[in-house]
């Protein structure tokens, strides 16, 4: 329960943002927002979201957990939601120029000392957070 409260509670500065969404997309939006603040990226699909978090946020948003079944994981709505969340949190999508700079940063600061992929990825994510860049994905 402590983890749910810590990571999945809609904060006071997020209430208006979440509440402005249509009831059919409110839960999906809230889950994207809280997942992004916790992991620094968006979930790829419903399976990325813990059932406990879905239930907890459904109660907060006064929606049904089953409404998430209708949430579209591709298309204009989720893209708009992602843009709104990035803007709210002060992040931007990773551009080609950003990817080049991050590659150079990794080569100079990380790869020479460590080649374990998980550790390198962890360092990349830390750098992206510091630069307020959404980490590149393998979409």
Protein backbone atom coordinates (compact mmCIF):
# COMPACT_ATOMS: atom_id res chain seq x y z
CA UNK A 1 0.00 0.00 0.00
CA UNK A 2 2.86 2.40 0.78
CA UNK A 3 4.24 1.95 -2.74
CA UNK A 4 0.81 2.58 -4.26
CA UNK A 5 0.42 5.79 -2.29
CA UNK A 6 3.97 6.94 -3.05
CA UNK A 7 4.02 6.26 -6.78
CA UNK A 8 0.41 6.15 -7.93
CA UNK A 9 -1.35 9.00 -6.09
CA UNK A 10 -2.58 11.87 -8.24
CA UNK A 11 -0.89 14.94 -6.77
CA UNK A 12 -2.52 18.34 -6.27
CA UNK A 13 -0.78 19.83 -9.35
CA UNK A 14 -2.04 16.89 -11.44
CA UNK A 15 -5.69 16.88 -10.34
CA UNK A 16 -6.82 19.51 -12.86
CA UNK A 17 -4.89 17.89 -15.69
CA UNK A 18 -6.40 14.46 -14.99
CA UNK A 19 -9.86 15.80 -14.19
CA UNK A 20 -10.06 17.63 -17.53
CA UNK A 21 -10.05 14.32 -19.41
CA UNK A 22 -13.22 12.66 -20.64
CA UNK A 23 -14.37 9.89 -18.31
CA UNK A 24 -13.57 7.24 -20.94
CA UNK A 25 -9.90 8.29 -21.14
CA UNK A 26 -9.29 9.71 -17.66
CA UNK A 27 -7.98 6.48 -16.13
CA UNK A 28 -5.67 5.78 -19.08
CA UNK A 29 -4.31 9.32 -18.92
CA UNK A 30 -3.73 9.12 -15.15
CA UNK A 31 -1.92 5.80 -15.53
CA UNK A 32 0.32 7.21 -18.29
CA UNK A 33 1.13 10.21 -16.12
CA UNK A 34 1.99 8.26 -12.98
CA UNK A 35 3.91 5.58 -14.88
CA UNK A 36 5.96 8.26 -16.62
CA UNK A 37 6.77 10.04 -13.36
CA UNK A 38 7.91 6.75 -11.84
CA UNK A 39 9.80 5.17 -14.76
CA UNK A 40 10.70 8.08 -17.04
CA UNK A 41 8.92 6.51 -20.00
CA UNK A 42 5.42 5.56 -21.04
CA UNK A 43 4.01 2.05 -20.69
CA UNK A 44 3.95 0.16 -23.99
CA UNK A 45 0.69 -1.64 -23.26
CA UNK A 46 -1.79 -2.59 -20.55
CA UNK A 47 0.45 -5.46 -19.42
CA UNK A 48 3.05 -2.92 -18.19
CA UNK A 49 0.60 -1.62 -15.58
CA UNK A 50 0.20 -3.36 -12.21
CA UNK A 51 -3.42 -4.33 -11.52
CA UNK A 52 -3.19 -2.79 -8.03
CA UNK A 53 -2.20 0.56 -9.56
CA UNK A 54 -5.08 0.39 -12.05
CA UNK A 55 -7.58 -0.24 -9.24
CA UNK A 56 -6.04 2.45 -7.02
CA UNK A 57 -6.12 5.09 -9.76
CA UNK A 58 -9.62 4.08 -10.85
CA UNK A 59 -10.83 4.93 -7.34
CA UNK A 60 -9.01 8.27 -7.40
CA UNK A 61 -10.32 9.24 -10.82
CA UNK A 62 -13.84 8.03 -10.04
CA UNK A 63 -13.80 5.70 -13.02
CA UNK A 64 -14.10 1.97 -13.47
CA UNK A 65 -10.94 -0.12 -13.80
CA UNK A 66 -12.69 -1.87 -16.70
CA UNK A 67 -12.74 1.43 -18.64
CA UNK A 68 -9.03 0.88 -19.30
CA UNK A 69 -10.03 -1.94 -21.65
CA UNK A 70 -11.39 0.68 -24.04
CA UNK A 71 -8.27 2.87 -23.92
CA UNK A 72 -6.52 2.98 -27.30
CA UNK A 73 -2.77 2.27 -27.09
CA UNK A 74 -2.11 3.88 -30.46
CA UNK A 75 -3.58 6.81 -32.31
CA UNK A 76 -4.26 10.49 -31.85
CA UNK A 77 -5.64 10.37 -28.30
CA UNK A 78 -2.69 8.63 -26.68
CA UNK A 79 -0.24 10.77 -28.68
CA UNK A 80 -2.01 13.91 -27.41
CA UNK A 81 -1.96 12.52 -23.87
CA UNK A 82 1.77 11.85 -24.13
CA UNK A 83 2.42 15.39 -25.38
CA UNK A 84 0.39 16.89 -22.53
CA UNK A 85 2.25 14.79 -19.96
CA UNK A 86 5.67 15.69 -21.39
CA UNK A 87 4.73 19.37 -21.36
CA UNK A 88 3.38 19.18 -17.81
CA UNK A 89 6.56 17.50 -16.57
CA UNK A 90 8.93 19.63 -18.66
CA UNK A 91 10.23 16.81 -20.87
CA UNK A 92 10.65 16.57 -24.62
CA UNK A 93 10.84 13.68 -27.06
CA UNK A 94 14.32 12.49 -27.99
CA UNK A 95 15.33 14.07 -31.29
CA UNK A 96 17.96 12.78 -33.71
CA UNK A 97 20.31 15.49 -32.39
CA UNK A 98 19.59 14.42 -28.78
CA UNK A 99 20.30 10.79 -29.67
CA UNK A 100 23.65 11.79 -31.16
CA UNK A 101 24.60 13.78 -28.07
CA UNK A 102 23.52 10.95 -25.78
CA UNK A 103 25.55 8.46 -27.82
CA UNK A 104 28.63 10.66 -27.49
CA UNK A 105 27.99 11.10 -23.77
CA UNK A 106 27.69 7.33 -23.30
CA UNK A 107 30.91 6.69 -25.22
CA UNK A 108 32.89 9.19 -23.17
CA UNK A 109 31.35 8.75 -19.73
CA UNK A 110 30.02 5.22 -19.48
CA UNK A 111 31.00 2.71 -22.16
CA UNK A 112 34.72 2.94 -21.52
CA UNK A 113 34.21 1.79 -17.93
CA UNK A 114 31.24 -0.56 -18.22
CA UNK A 115 29.83 -2.75 -20.97
CA UNK A 116 26.99 -4.44 -19.10
CA UNK A 117 23.86 -3.44 -21.09
CA UNK A 118 21.55 -3.03 -18.09
CA UNK A 119 23.98 -0.73 -16.30
CA UNK A 120 24.62 1.31 -19.46
CA UNK A 121 20.86 1.67 -20.00
CA UNK A 122 20.40 2.76 -16.39
CA UNK A 123 23.05 5.45 -16.83
CA UNK A 124 21.42 6.56 -20.09
CA UNK A 125 18.06 6.92 -18.36
CA UNK A 126 19.65 8.97 -15.56
CA UNK A 127 21.24 11.29 -18.12
CA UNK A 128 17.96 11.63 -20.01
CA UNK A 129 16.17 12.60 -16.80
CA UNK A 130 18.84 15.17 -16.04
CA UNK A 131 18.49 16.63 -19.54
CA UNK A 132 14.66 16.34 -19.40
CA UNK A 133 14.61 14.12 -22.50
CA UNK A 134 12.34 11.13 -22.89
CA UNK A 135 14.67 8.13 -23.40
CA UNK A 136 14.74 6.70 -26.92
CA UNK A 137 12.76 3.49 -27.32
CA UNK A 138 13.10 0.51 -29.63
CA UNK A 139 9.62 1.02 -31.13
